[in-house]
């Protein structure tokens, strides 16, 4: 089996799905103290791009508006959000790249540090069957399933992406013959260094420098 692994934000997508979802929640009136929330979220986005984000702090804040919300309610909002705010921002080159890998018979995997409630519907829209993302805690003892506002499991972030991939391969008893990974971020260096064929897409300055030194393939889909 040949695996083609893809980061989502700023790689396949022009932008960050979590950042845009925060704005969507603001527009729906789901956020209290919205001005302070959005300002803090922007600070954390800057920390992410600098390779300094503590993901647990970001998740604690940005998942809080989901607490006690019905899973079905959130799913309906995410469906509208993906159709209106995400699908139009997928790079055309990304769609072509995915099509090329499908034609070659590769297995596609979307692996993202964003939360599953966003990543899984985006993956479905892109025709990617396998998703590794931040998993959310769900209260299944309630009459109807509701989000707790918390995350669970190993974060698919930085070195956690390698751990999640290894875990997924073991669970499915897969030994890939070849692995590729496409990403834009310095935060993904652990997985880029782990795979057989790293490919940088719209790289941040640190990743661009590493890619140049290592001789990795570079794609610039914003130009």
N, C-alpha and C. Protein backbone atom coordinates (compact mmCIF):
# COMPACT_ATOMS: atom_id res chain seq x y z
N UNK A 1 0.83 -1.20 0.00
CA UNK A 1 0.00 0.00 0.00
C UNK A 1 0.87 1.25 0.00
N UNK A 2 0.56 2.17 -0.89
CA UNK A 2 1.22 3.47 -0.93
C UNK A 2 0.31 4.49 -0.27
N UNK A 3 0.85 5.27 0.65
CA UNK A 3 0.07 6.26 1.38
C UNK A 3 0.44 7.66 0.92
N UNK A 4 -0.58 8.47 0.66
CA UNK A 4 -0.39 9.89 0.40
C UNK A 4 -1.08 10.64 1.53
N UNK A 5 -0.28 11.25 2.40
CA UNK A 5 -0.77 11.96 3.58
C UNK A 5 -0.82 13.45 3.29
N UNK A 6 -1.86 14.10 3.75
CA UNK A 6 -2.03 15.53 3.50
C UNK A 6 -2.38 16.27 4.78
N UNK A 7 -1.66 17.37 5.05
CA UNK A 7 -2.11 18.35 6.01
C UNK A 7 -3.28 19.10 5.36
N UNK A 8 -4.06 19.80 6.16
CA UNK A 8 -5.23 20.52 5.63
C UNK A 8 -5.00 22.02 5.53
N UNK A 9 -4.86 22.67 6.67
CA UNK A 9 -4.83 24.13 6.72
C UNK A 9 -3.59 24.71 6.04
N UNK A 10 -3.81 25.63 5.11
CA UNK A 10 -2.76 26.28 4.34
C UNK A 10 -2.00 25.31 3.44
N UNK A 11 -2.49 24.09 3.33
CA UNK A 11 -1.89 23.10 2.42
C UNK A 11 -2.91 22.79 1.32
N UNK A 12 -3.95 22.05 1.64
CA UNK A 12 -5.04 21.85 0.68
C UNK A 12 -5.97 23.05 0.66
N UNK A 13 -6.07 23.70 1.81
CA UNK A 13 -7.00 24.82 2.01
C UNK A 13 -6.26 26.14 2.09
N UNK A 14 -6.75 27.14 1.38
CA UNK A 14 -6.18 28.47 1.47
C UNK A 14 -6.73 29.14 2.73
N UNK A 15 -6.05 28.94 3.85
CA UNK A 15 -6.49 29.46 5.13
C UNK A 15 -6.53 28.36 6.17
N UNK A 16 -7.10 28.67 7.30
CA UNK A 16 -7.17 27.75 8.44
C UNK A 16 -8.64 27.50 8.79
N UNK A 17 -9.05 26.24 8.76
CA UNK A 17 -10.47 25.94 8.97
C UNK A 17 -10.91 26.28 10.39
N UNK A 18 -10.03 26.09 11.37
CA UNK A 18 -10.40 26.41 12.76
C UNK A 18 -10.59 27.90 12.94
N UNK A 19 -9.71 28.69 12.35
CA UNK A 19 -9.81 30.14 12.43
C UNK A 19 -11.13 30.61 11.83
N UNK A 20 -11.49 30.07 10.68
CA UNK A 20 -12.74 30.46 10.02
C UNK A 20 -13.96 29.95 10.78
N UNK A 21 -13.83 28.80 11.41
CA UNK A 21 -14.93 28.27 12.22
C UNK A 21 -15.16 29.15 13.44
N UNK A 22 -14.09 29.70 14.03
CA UNK A 22 -14.26 30.62 15.15
C UNK A 22 -15.12 31.82 14.74
N UNK A 23 -14.85 32.35 13.56
CA UNK A 23 -15.65 33.47 13.06
C UNK A 23 -17.09 33.05 12.82
N UNK A 24 -17.27 31.83 12.32
CA UNK A 24 -18.62 31.31 12.09
C UNK A 24 -19.38 31.21 13.41
N UNK A 25 -18.73 30.68 14.45
CA UNK A 25 -19.39 30.58 15.76
C UNK A 25 -19.76 31.96 16.29
N UNK A 26 -18.88 32.93 16.04
CA UNK A 26 -19.18 34.31 16.43
C UNK A 26 -20.44 34.80 15.72
N UNK A 27 -20.53 34.53 14.42
CA UNK A 27 -21.68 34.98 13.64
C UNK A 27 -22.97 34.30 14.08
N UNK A 28 -22.87 33.08 14.60
CA UNK A 28 -24.06 32.35 15.05
C UNK A 28 -24.43 32.71 16.48
N UNK A 29 -23.62 33.56 17.15
CA UNK A 29 -23.90 33.93 18.52
C UNK A 29 -23.55 32.86 19.53
N UNK A 30 -22.61 31.98 19.19
CA UNK A 30 -22.24 30.88 20.08
C UNK A 30 -21.16 31.30 21.08
N UNK A 31 -20.54 32.46 20.90
CA UNK A 31 -19.39 32.86 21.71
C UNK A 31 -19.78 34.02 22.62
N UNK A 32 -19.54 33.85 23.91
CA UNK A 32 -19.72 34.97 24.84
C UNK A 32 -18.38 35.68 24.99
N UNK A 33 -18.42 37.00 25.17
CA UNK A 33 -17.17 37.76 25.21
C UNK A 33 -16.41 37.62 23.92
N UNK A 34 -17.13 37.80 22.81
CA UNK A 34 -16.59 37.47 21.49
C UNK A 34 -15.35 38.26 21.13
N UNK A 35 -15.32 39.54 21.47
CA UNK A 35 -14.17 40.37 21.09
C UNK A 35 -12.89 39.86 21.72
N UNK A 36 -12.93 39.55 23.00
CA UNK A 36 -11.75 39.02 23.69
C UNK A 36 -11.40 37.63 23.17
N UNK A 37 -12.43 36.83 22.89
CA UNK A 37 -12.22 35.48 22.35
C UNK A 37 -11.46 35.54 21.03
N UNK A 38 -11.93 36.35 20.10
CA UNK A 38 -11.31 36.42 18.78
C UNK A 38 -9.91 37.01 18.85
N UNK A 39 -9.70 37.96 19.73
CA UNK A 39 -8.36 38.53 19.89
C UNK A 39 -7.39 37.49 20.41
N UNK A 40 -7.84 36.71 21.39
CA UNK A 40 -6.98 35.65 21.94
C UNK A 40 -6.75 34.55 20.91
N UNK A 41 -7.76 34.21 20.14
CA UNK A 41 -7.61 33.20 19.09
C UNK A 41 -6.58 33.65 18.05
N UNK A 42 -6.58 34.93 17.71
CA UNK A 42 -5.62 35.46 16.76
C UNK A 42 -4.20 35.38 17.33
N UNK A 43 -4.04 35.68 18.60
CA UNK A 43 -2.73 35.56 19.25
C UNK A 43 -2.23 34.12 19.18
N UNK A 44 -3.14 33.19 19.40
CA UNK A 44 -2.76 31.78 19.38
C UNK A 44 -2.42 31.32 17.96
N UNK A 45 -3.12 31.86 16.96
CA UNK A 45 -2.77 31.54 15.58
C UNK A 45 -1.36 32.01 15.25
N UNK A 46 -1.00 33.19 15.74
CA UNK A 46 0.35 33.69 15.53
C UNK A 46 1.37 32.80 16.22
N UNK A 47 1.03 32.32 17.42
CA UNK A 47 1.92 31.40 18.13
C UNK A 47 2.09 30.10 17.36
N UNK A 48 0.99 29.62 16.74
CA UNK A 48 1.07 28.40 15.93
C UNK A 48 2.06 28.57 14.79
N UNK A 49 1.93 29.67 14.06
CA UNK A 49 2.80 29.88 12.91
C UNK A 49 4.25 30.12 13.33
N UNK A 50 4.45 30.50 14.59
CA UNK A 50 5.81 30.65 15.12
C UNK A 50 6.33 29.36 15.74
N UNK A 51 5.49 28.30 15.68
CA UNK A 51 5.90 27.02 16.25
C UNK A 51 5.87 26.99 17.76
N UNK A 52 5.05 27.85 18.39
CA UNK A 52 5.05 27.99 19.84
C UNK A 52 3.69 27.74 20.49
N UNK A 53 2.71 27.30 19.73
CA UNK A 53 1.36 27.14 20.27
C UNK A 53 1.28 25.95 21.23
N UNK A 54 0.64 26.17 22.37
CA UNK A 54 0.25 25.08 23.26
C UNK A 54 -1.17 24.68 22.87
N UNK A 55 -1.27 23.60 22.14
CA UNK A 55 -2.55 23.24 21.54
C UNK A 55 -3.63 23.01 22.59
N UNK A 56 -3.25 22.48 23.76
CA UNK A 56 -4.26 22.22 24.78
C UNK A 56 -4.94 23.51 25.23
N UNK A 57 -4.20 24.63 25.24
CA UNK A 57 -4.80 25.90 25.62
C UNK A 57 -5.75 26.41 24.53
N UNK A 58 -5.34 26.24 23.29
CA UNK A 58 -6.18 26.67 22.17
C UNK A 58 -7.49 25.88 22.15
N UNK A 59 -7.39 24.57 22.36
CA UNK A 59 -8.58 23.72 22.33
C UNK A 59 -9.50 24.03 23.50
N UNK A 60 -8.93 24.27 24.68
CA UNK A 60 -9.76 24.58 25.84
C UNK A 60 -10.64 25.80 25.57
N UNK A 61 -10.09 26.77 24.86
CA UNK A 61 -10.85 27.98 24.57
C UNK A 61 -11.82 27.78 23.41
N UNK A 62 -11.36 27.21 22.32
CA UNK A 62 -12.17 27.18 21.11
C UNK A 62 -13.21 26.06 21.10
N UNK A 63 -13.06 25.07 21.97
CA UNK A 63 -14.07 24.02 22.06
C UNK A 63 -15.15 24.35 23.10
N UNK A 64 -14.87 25.33 23.96
CA UNK A 64 -15.84 25.69 25.00
C UNK A 64 -17.22 26.04 24.45
N UNK A 65 -17.32 26.75 23.29
CA UNK A 65 -18.66 27.06 22.77
C UNK A 65 -19.47 25.83 22.35
N UNK A 66 -18.81 24.68 22.23
CA UNK A 66 -19.53 23.46 21.85
C UNK A 66 -20.11 22.71 23.05
N UNK A 67 -19.71 23.12 24.26
CA UNK A 67 -20.12 22.38 25.45
C UNK A 67 -21.64 22.30 25.55
N UNK A 68 -22.12 21.06 25.72
CA UNK A 68 -23.54 20.73 25.87
C UNK A 68 -24.35 20.91 24.58
N UNK A 69 -23.70 21.24 23.49
CA UNK A 69 -24.44 21.33 22.22
C UNK A 69 -24.63 19.93 21.63
N UNK A 70 -25.80 19.71 21.06
CA UNK A 70 -26.07 18.43 20.42
C UNK A 70 -25.10 18.19 19.27
N UNK A 71 -24.60 16.98 19.17
CA UNK A 71 -23.72 16.63 18.06
C UNK A 71 -24.43 16.86 16.73
N UNK A 72 -25.71 16.52 16.67
CA UNK A 72 -26.46 16.70 15.42
C UNK A 72 -26.60 18.17 15.05
N UNK A 73 -26.76 19.04 16.06
CA UNK A 73 -26.85 20.48 15.81
C UNK A 73 -25.55 21.00 15.22
N UNK A 74 -24.44 20.60 15.82
CA UNK A 74 -23.12 21.05 15.34
C UNK A 74 -22.86 20.52 13.94
N UNK A 75 -23.23 19.28 13.69
CA UNK A 75 -23.02 18.69 12.37
C UNK A 75 -23.73 19.49 11.28
N UNK A 76 -24.95 19.93 11.57
CA UNK A 76 -25.70 20.72 10.57
C UNK A 76 -25.01 22.06 10.30
N UNK A 77 -24.52 22.70 11.36
CA UNK A 77 -23.82 23.97 11.18
C UNK A 77 -22.52 23.78 10.41
N UNK A 78 -21.80 22.71 10.74
CA UNK A 78 -20.53 22.45 10.05
C UNK A 78 -20.78 22.16 8.57
N UNK A 79 -21.85 21.46 8.26
CA UNK A 79 -22.18 21.18 6.86
C UNK A 79 -22.37 22.48 6.08
N UNK A 80 -23.10 23.43 6.66
CA UNK A 80 -23.30 24.73 6.00
C UNK A 80 -21.98 25.49 5.91
N UNK A 81 -21.19 25.43 6.98
CA UNK A 81 -19.91 26.12 7.03
C UNK A 81 -18.96 25.60 5.96
N UNK A 82 -18.86 24.30 5.82
CA UNK A 82 -17.95 23.71 4.82
C UNK A 82 -18.37 24.10 3.41
N UNK A 83 -19.66 24.06 3.14
CA UNK A 83 -20.15 24.37 1.80
C UNK A 83 -19.91 25.83 1.42
N UNK A 84 -20.04 26.73 2.39
CA UNK A 84 -19.98 28.16 2.06
C UNK A 84 -18.60 28.78 2.29
N UNK A 85 -17.86 28.27 3.29
CA UNK A 85 -16.62 28.94 3.68
C UNK A 85 -15.35 28.13 3.40
N UNK A 86 -15.49 26.84 3.17
CA UNK A 86 -14.30 26.00 2.98
C UNK A 86 -14.16 25.51 1.54
N UNK A 87 -15.21 24.93 1.00
CA UNK A 87 -15.12 24.37 -0.35
C UNK A 87 -14.59 25.37 -1.38
N UNK A 88 -15.02 26.63 -1.36
CA UNK A 88 -14.51 27.58 -2.35
C UNK A 88 -13.03 27.93 -2.16
N UNK A 89 -12.45 27.57 -1.01
CA UNK A 89 -11.08 27.96 -0.72
C UNK A 89 -10.09 26.79 -0.86
N UNK A 90 -10.55 25.67 -1.39
CA UNK A 90 -9.63 24.57 -1.67
C UNK A 90 -8.83 24.91 -2.92
N UNK A 91 -7.51 24.77 -2.83
CA UNK A 91 -6.67 25.08 -3.99
C UNK A 91 -7.01 24.16 -5.17
N UNK A 92 -7.11 24.73 -6.36
CA UNK A 92 -7.35 23.92 -7.56
C UNK A 92 -6.23 22.91 -7.74
N UNK A 93 -5.00 23.32 -7.44
CA UNK A 93 -3.85 22.41 -7.57
C UNK A 93 -3.97 21.25 -6.58
N UNK A 94 -4.58 21.52 -5.42
CA UNK A 94 -4.78 20.45 -4.44
C UNK A 94 -5.74 19.40 -4.98
N UNK A 95 -6.82 19.84 -5.60
CA UNK A 95 -7.77 18.89 -6.18
C UNK A 95 -7.11 18.05 -7.26
N UNK A 96 -6.27 18.68 -8.07
CA UNK A 96 -5.56 17.95 -9.12
C UNK A 96 -4.58 16.95 -8.52
N UNK A 97 -3.90 17.34 -7.44
CA UNK A 97 -2.96 16.45 -6.77
C UNK A 97 -3.66 15.24 -6.19
N UNK A 98 -4.79 15.47 -5.53
CA UNK A 98 -5.57 14.36 -4.98
C UNK A 98 -6.02 13.40 -6.09
N UNK A 99 -6.44 13.97 -7.21
CA UNK A 99 -6.89 13.14 -8.34
C UNK A 99 -5.75 12.30 -8.89
N UNK A 100 -4.56 12.88 -8.96
CA UNK A 100 -3.39 12.13 -9.45
C UNK A 100 -3.09 10.95 -8.54
N UNK A 101 -3.16 11.16 -7.22
CA UNK A 101 -2.88 10.06 -6.29
C UNK A 101 -3.95 8.97 -6.37
N UNK A 102 -5.20 9.40 -6.55
CA UNK A 102 -6.26 8.39 -6.70
C UNK A 102 -6.01 7.55 -7.96
N UNK A 103 -5.67 8.21 -9.04
CA UNK A 103 -5.44 7.51 -10.29
C UNK A 103 -4.27 6.54 -10.16
N UNK A 104 -3.28 6.89 -9.34
CA UNK A 104 -2.13 6.02 -9.13
C UNK A 104 -2.44 4.87 -8.17
N UNK A 105 -3.64 4.90 -7.57
CA UNK A 105 -4.03 3.83 -6.66
C UNK A 105 -3.55 4.02 -5.24
N UNK A 106 -3.09 5.23 -4.88
CA UNK A 106 -2.60 5.49 -3.53
C UNK A 106 -3.76 5.64 -2.55
N UNK A 107 -3.51 5.31 -1.31
CA UNK A 107 -4.48 5.51 -0.24
C UNK A 107 -4.29 6.91 0.34
N UNK A 108 -5.36 7.70 0.38
CA UNK A 108 -5.28 9.08 0.83
C UNK A 108 -5.66 9.19 2.30
N UNK A 109 -4.88 9.97 3.04
CA UNK A 109 -5.14 10.20 4.46
C UNK A 109 -5.01 11.69 4.74
N UNK A 110 -6.03 12.27 5.39
CA UNK A 110 -5.97 13.66 5.82
C UNK A 110 -5.59 13.66 7.29
N UNK A 111 -4.47 14.31 7.62
CA UNK A 111 -3.98 14.32 9.00
C UNK A 111 -3.76 15.76 9.42
N UNK A 112 -4.54 16.18 10.42
CA UNK A 112 -4.61 17.60 10.74
C UNK A 112 -4.64 17.83 12.25
N UNK A 113 -4.10 18.98 12.68
CA UNK A 113 -4.17 19.39 14.08
C UNK A 113 -5.48 20.10 14.39
N UNK A 114 -6.33 20.27 13.40
CA UNK A 114 -7.67 20.81 13.65
C UNK A 114 -8.57 19.69 14.16
N UNK A 115 -9.74 20.07 14.66
CA UNK A 115 -10.62 19.11 15.33
C UNK A 115 -11.43 18.28 14.33
N UNK A 116 -11.73 17.06 14.74
CA UNK A 116 -12.40 16.11 13.85
C UNK A 116 -13.75 16.60 13.37
N UNK A 117 -14.48 17.35 14.20
CA UNK A 117 -15.82 17.78 13.78
C UNK A 117 -15.76 18.69 12.55
N UNK A 118 -14.59 19.30 12.30
CA UNK A 118 -14.38 20.09 11.08
C UNK A 118 -13.68 19.28 10.00
N UNK A 119 -12.64 18.56 10.39
CA UNK A 119 -11.78 17.88 9.42
C UNK A 119 -12.51 16.74 8.70
N UNK A 120 -13.30 15.96 9.44
CA UNK A 120 -13.97 14.82 8.81
C UNK A 120 -14.94 15.25 7.71
N UNK A 121 -15.80 16.26 7.92
CA UNK A 121 -16.67 16.70 6.83
C UNK A 121 -15.89 17.28 5.64
N UNK A 122 -14.79 17.95 5.91
CA UNK A 122 -13.97 18.47 4.81
C UNK A 122 -13.36 17.32 4.03
N UNK A 123 -12.89 16.30 4.74
CA UNK A 123 -12.33 15.12 4.08
C UNK A 123 -13.39 14.44 3.20
N UNK A 124 -14.60 14.35 3.72
CA UNK A 124 -15.69 13.74 2.94
C UNK A 124 -15.94 14.53 1.67
N UNK A 125 -15.94 15.86 1.79
CA UNK A 125 -16.13 16.72 0.62
C UNK A 125 -15.02 16.51 -0.41
N UNK A 126 -13.80 16.24 0.07
CA UNK A 126 -12.65 16.05 -0.82
C UNK A 126 -12.53 14.60 -1.31
N UNK A 127 -13.37 13.71 -0.79
CA UNK A 127 -13.30 12.32 -1.19
C UNK A 127 -12.15 11.56 -0.55
N UNK A 128 -11.74 12.00 0.65
CA UNK A 128 -10.67 11.33 1.39
C UNK A 128 -11.31 10.49 2.49
N UNK A 129 -11.06 9.19 2.46
CA UNK A 129 -11.78 8.28 3.36
C UNK A 129 -11.18 8.22 4.76
N UNK A 130 -9.90 8.49 4.89
CA UNK A 130 -9.21 8.28 6.17
C UNK A 130 -8.82 9.61 6.79
N UNK A 131 -9.16 9.78 8.07
CA UNK A 131 -8.95 11.06 8.76
C UNK A 131 -8.28 10.83 10.11
N UNK A 132 -7.22 11.57 10.35
CA UNK A 132 -6.59 11.63 11.66
C UNK A 132 -6.63 13.09 12.09
N UNK A 133 -7.32 13.38 13.19
CA UNK A 133 -7.51 14.76 13.64
C UNK A 133 -7.68 14.75 15.14
N UNK A 134 -7.80 15.92 15.73
CA UNK A 134 -8.02 16.01 17.17
C UNK A 134 -9.43 15.50 17.49
N UNK A 135 -9.51 14.51 18.34
CA UNK A 135 -10.80 13.90 18.67
C UNK A 135 -11.48 14.65 19.81
N UNK A 136 -12.79 14.79 19.70
CA UNK A 136 -13.56 15.51 20.70
C UNK A 136 -14.30 14.54 21.61
N UNK A 137 -14.41 14.94 22.88
CA UNK A 137 -15.14 14.13 23.85
C UNK A 137 -16.64 14.36 23.68
N UNK A 138 -17.38 13.25 23.70
CA UNK A 138 -18.84 13.30 23.53
C UNK A 138 -19.50 12.62 24.73
N UNK A 139 -20.49 13.28 25.31
CA UNK A 139 -21.27 12.70 26.40
C UNK A 139 -22.34 11.81 25.78
N UNK A 140 -22.08 10.51 25.81
CA UNK A 140 -23.00 9.57 25.18
C UNK A 140 -24.05 9.06 26.17
N UNK A 141 -23.95 9.47 27.43
CA UNK A 141 -24.92 9.04 28.43
C UNK A 141 -26.15 9.94 28.44
N UNK A 142 -26.02 11.11 27.81
CA UNK A 142 -27.17 12.01 27.71
C UNK A 142 -28.22 11.40 26.79
N UNK A 143 -29.44 11.92 26.87
CA UNK A 143 -30.53 11.40 26.03
C UNK A 143 -30.16 11.50 24.55
N UNK A 144 -29.50 12.60 24.18
CA UNK A 144 -28.94 12.75 22.84
C UNK A 144 -27.48 13.14 22.99
N UNK A 145 -26.63 12.60 22.10
CA UNK A 145 -25.19 12.82 22.21
C UNK A 145 -24.87 14.31 22.15
N UNK A 146 -24.05 14.74 23.11
CA UNK A 146 -23.66 16.15 23.19
C UNK A 146 -22.15 16.25 23.37
N UNK A 147 -21.58 17.33 22.84
CA UNK A 147 -20.16 17.58 23.05
C UNK A 147 -19.93 18.06 24.48
N UNK A 148 -18.80 17.67 25.05
CA UNK A 148 -18.45 18.10 26.41
C UNK A 148 -17.65 19.39 26.40
N UNK A 149 -17.16 19.80 25.23
CA UNK A 149 -16.30 20.97 25.16
C UNK A 149 -14.84 20.64 25.41
N UNK A 150 -14.51 19.35 25.43
CA UNK A 150 -13.14 18.91 25.68
C UNK A 150 -12.67 18.00 24.57
N UNK A 151 -11.36 17.82 24.50
CA UNK A 151 -10.76 16.91 23.53
C UNK A 151 -10.32 15.64 24.25
N UNK A 152 -9.90 14.64 23.47
CA UNK A 152 -9.43 13.40 24.07
C UNK A 152 -8.40 12.74 23.16
N UNK A 153 -7.59 11.88 23.75
CA UNK A 153 -6.61 11.14 22.97
C UNK A 153 -5.36 11.95 22.67
N UNK A 154 -4.51 11.35 21.84
CA UNK A 154 -3.25 11.98 21.43
C UNK A 154 -3.55 13.05 20.39
N UNK A 155 -3.02 14.24 20.61
CA UNK A 155 -3.21 15.30 19.62
C UNK A 155 -2.44 14.99 18.35
N UNK A 156 -3.08 15.17 17.21
CA UNK A 156 -2.40 15.03 15.91
C UNK A 156 -1.70 16.35 15.58
N UNK A 157 -0.70 16.64 16.38
CA UNK A 157 -0.01 17.94 16.34
C UNK A 157 1.47 17.70 16.59
N UNK A 158 2.31 18.28 15.72
CA UNK A 158 3.75 18.14 15.83
C UNK A 158 4.09 16.64 15.89
N UNK A 159 4.89 16.21 16.89
CA UNK A 159 5.26 14.79 16.95
C UNK A 159 4.08 13.87 17.14
N UNK A 160 2.96 14.42 17.63
CA UNK A 160 1.76 13.61 17.79
C UNK A 160 1.22 13.09 16.47
N UNK A 161 1.52 13.78 15.37
CA UNK A 161 1.07 13.28 14.07
C UNK A 161 1.76 11.96 13.74
N UNK A 162 3.04 11.84 14.09
CA UNK A 162 3.76 10.59 13.86
C UNK A 162 3.15 9.48 14.72
N UNK A 163 2.88 9.79 15.99
CA UNK A 163 2.30 8.79 16.88
C UNK A 163 0.92 8.35 16.41
N UNK A 164 0.11 9.30 15.99
CA UNK A 164 -1.23 8.95 15.51
C UNK A 164 -1.16 8.11 14.24
N UNK A 165 -0.23 8.44 13.35
CA UNK A 165 -0.08 7.65 12.13
C UNK A 165 0.36 6.23 12.47
N UNK A 166 1.34 6.10 13.35
CA UNK A 166 1.81 4.77 13.75
C UNK A 166 0.69 3.96 14.39
N UNK A 167 -0.09 4.62 15.23
CA UNK A 167 -1.23 3.98 15.88
C UNK A 167 -2.24 3.50 14.84
N UNK A 168 -2.54 4.35 13.87
CA UNK A 168 -3.50 4.01 12.82
C UNK A 168 -3.00 2.84 11.98
N UNK A 169 -1.74 2.84 11.65
CA UNK A 169 -1.17 1.75 10.85
C UNK A 169 -1.25 0.43 11.61
N UNK A 170 -0.96 0.46 12.92
CA UNK A 170 -1.04 -0.76 13.72
C UNK A 170 -2.47 -1.26 13.83
N UNK A 171 -3.41 -0.35 14.07
CA UNK A 171 -4.82 -0.73 14.22
C UNK A 171 -5.35 -1.39 12.95
N UNK A 172 -4.89 -0.92 11.80
CA UNK A 172 -5.38 -1.45 10.53
C UNK A 172 -4.43 -2.49 9.92
N UNK A 173 -3.39 -2.84 10.67
CA UNK A 173 -2.41 -3.84 10.23
C UNK A 173 -1.88 -3.51 8.83
N UNK A 174 -1.44 -2.26 8.69
CA UNK A 174 -0.93 -1.77 7.41
C UNK A 174 0.58 -1.57 7.52
N UNK A 175 1.28 -2.10 6.54
CA UNK A 175 2.70 -1.81 6.39
C UNK A 175 2.88 -1.16 5.02
N UNK A 176 2.93 0.16 4.97
CA UNK A 176 2.97 0.84 3.67
C UNK A 176 4.29 0.59 2.95
N UNK A 177 4.20 0.49 1.63
CA UNK A 177 5.41 0.33 0.82
C UNK A 177 6.06 1.67 0.53
N UNK A 178 5.28 2.75 0.65
CA UNK A 178 5.80 4.09 0.37
C UNK A 178 4.88 5.11 1.02
N UNK A 179 5.48 6.15 1.60
CA UNK A 179 4.69 7.20 2.25
C UNK A 179 5.13 8.57 1.75
N UNK A 180 4.14 9.41 1.44
CA UNK A 180 4.37 10.80 1.09
C UNK A 180 3.56 11.67 2.05
N UNK A 181 4.07 12.86 2.33
CA UNK A 181 3.32 13.79 3.18
C UNK A 181 3.49 15.20 2.64
N UNK A 182 2.35 15.88 2.48
CA UNK A 182 2.31 17.26 1.99
C UNK A 182 1.95 18.18 3.16
N UNK A 183 2.76 19.22 3.39
CA UNK A 183 2.47 20.15 4.47
C UNK A 183 3.11 21.51 4.21
N UNK A 184 2.53 22.52 4.89
CA UNK A 184 3.03 23.90 4.79
C UNK A 184 3.82 24.34 6.00
N UNK A 185 3.79 23.58 7.11
CA UNK A 185 4.16 24.13 8.41
C UNK A 185 5.38 23.51 9.05
N UNK A 186 6.16 24.34 9.72
CA UNK A 186 7.28 23.87 10.53
C UNK A 186 6.82 22.91 11.62
N UNK A 187 5.57 23.07 12.05
CA UNK A 187 5.05 22.18 13.09
C UNK A 187 4.98 20.73 12.62
N UNK A 188 5.00 20.53 11.31
CA UNK A 188 4.90 19.17 10.76
C UNK A 188 6.25 18.57 10.41
N UNK A 189 7.33 19.19 10.84
CA UNK A 189 8.66 18.64 10.54
C UNK A 189 8.83 17.20 11.05
N UNK A 190 8.32 16.84 12.24
CA UNK A 190 8.48 15.44 12.66
C UNK A 190 7.92 14.43 11.66
N UNK A 191 6.74 14.70 11.11
CA UNK A 191 6.16 13.76 10.15
C UNK A 191 6.83 13.88 8.78
N UNK A 192 7.19 15.08 8.39
CA UNK A 192 7.91 15.25 7.12
C UNK A 192 9.23 14.49 7.13
N UNK A 193 9.89 14.46 8.27
CA UNK A 193 11.16 13.74 8.39
C UNK A 193 10.95 12.24 8.54
N UNK A 194 9.74 11.84 8.89
CA UNK A 194 9.43 10.42 9.12
C UNK A 194 9.09 9.68 7.83
N UNK A 195 8.43 10.36 6.90
CA UNK A 195 7.94 9.70 5.69
C UNK A 195 9.06 9.49 4.68
N UNK A 196 8.75 8.69 3.66
CA UNK A 196 9.73 8.43 2.59
C UNK A 196 9.92 9.65 1.70
N UNK A 197 8.82 10.35 1.43
CA UNK A 197 8.88 11.45 0.47
C UNK A 197 8.14 12.67 1.02
N UNK A 198 8.87 13.62 1.63
CA UNK A 198 8.23 14.85 2.10
C UNK A 198 8.06 15.86 0.96
N UNK A 199 6.91 16.53 0.96
CA UNK A 199 6.64 17.57 -0.02
C UNK A 199 6.12 18.80 0.73
N UNK A 200 6.77 19.94 0.53
CA UNK A 200 6.30 21.15 1.22
C UNK A 200 5.45 21.96 0.26
N UNK A 201 4.34 22.48 0.80
CA UNK A 201 3.36 23.23 0.01
C UNK A 201 3.16 24.59 0.67
N UNK A 202 3.36 25.66 -0.09
CA UNK A 202 3.21 27.02 0.48
C UNK A 202 3.94 27.13 1.81
N UNK A 203 5.22 26.75 1.88
CA UNK A 203 5.88 26.59 3.18
C UNK A 203 6.09 27.91 3.91
N UNK A 204 6.01 27.83 5.25
CA UNK A 204 6.39 28.97 6.08
C UNK A 204 7.91 29.14 5.97
N UNK A 205 8.46 30.27 6.43
CA UNK A 205 9.88 30.54 6.21
C UNK A 205 10.82 29.48 6.78
N UNK A 206 10.51 28.97 7.96
CA UNK A 206 11.37 27.94 8.56
C UNK A 206 11.32 26.66 7.75
N UNK A 207 10.13 26.24 7.36
CA UNK A 207 10.00 25.01 6.57
C UNK A 207 10.64 25.18 5.20
N UNK A 208 10.50 26.36 4.61
CA UNK A 208 11.11 26.61 3.31
C UNK A 208 12.63 26.45 3.38
N UNK A 209 13.22 26.94 4.47
CA UNK A 209 14.67 26.82 4.63
C UNK A 209 15.10 25.38 4.80
N UNK A 210 14.36 24.64 5.63
CA UNK A 210 14.67 23.23 5.83
C UNK A 210 14.54 22.46 4.52
N UNK A 211 13.46 22.74 3.79
CA UNK A 211 13.24 22.04 2.51
C UNK A 211 14.36 22.32 1.53
N UNK A 212 14.84 23.56 1.51
CA UNK A 212 15.94 23.91 0.62
C UNK A 212 17.21 23.16 0.99
N UNK A 213 17.50 23.09 2.29
CA UNK A 213 18.70 22.39 2.76
C UNK A 213 18.62 20.89 2.50
N UNK A 214 17.41 20.34 2.67
CA UNK A 214 17.23 18.89 2.52
C UNK A 214 16.97 18.47 1.08
N UNK A 215 16.68 19.44 0.21
CA UNK A 215 16.38 19.10 -1.17
C UNK A 215 15.00 18.51 -1.36
N UNK A 216 14.06 18.89 -0.48
CA UNK A 216 12.69 18.38 -0.60
C UNK A 216 11.95 19.10 -1.72
N UNK A 217 10.99 18.41 -2.31
CA UNK A 217 10.15 19.01 -3.33
C UNK A 217 9.32 20.13 -2.72
N UNK A 218 9.17 21.22 -3.48
CA UNK A 218 8.39 22.36 -3.00
C UNK A 218 7.33 22.71 -4.04
N UNK A 219 6.11 22.96 -3.54
CA UNK A 219 5.00 23.38 -4.40
C UNK A 219 4.46 24.70 -3.86
N UNK A 220 4.21 25.63 -4.74
CA UNK A 220 3.67 26.94 -4.34
C UNK A 220 2.33 27.12 -5.01
N UNK A 221 1.27 26.76 -4.31
CA UNK A 221 -0.07 26.76 -4.90
C UNK A 221 -0.75 28.12 -4.80
N UNK A 222 -0.16 29.06 -4.06
CA UNK A 222 -0.75 30.39 -3.98
C UNK A 222 -0.33 31.27 -5.16
N UNK A 223 0.63 30.83 -5.93
CA UNK A 223 1.07 31.62 -7.08
C UNK A 223 0.47 31.02 -8.33
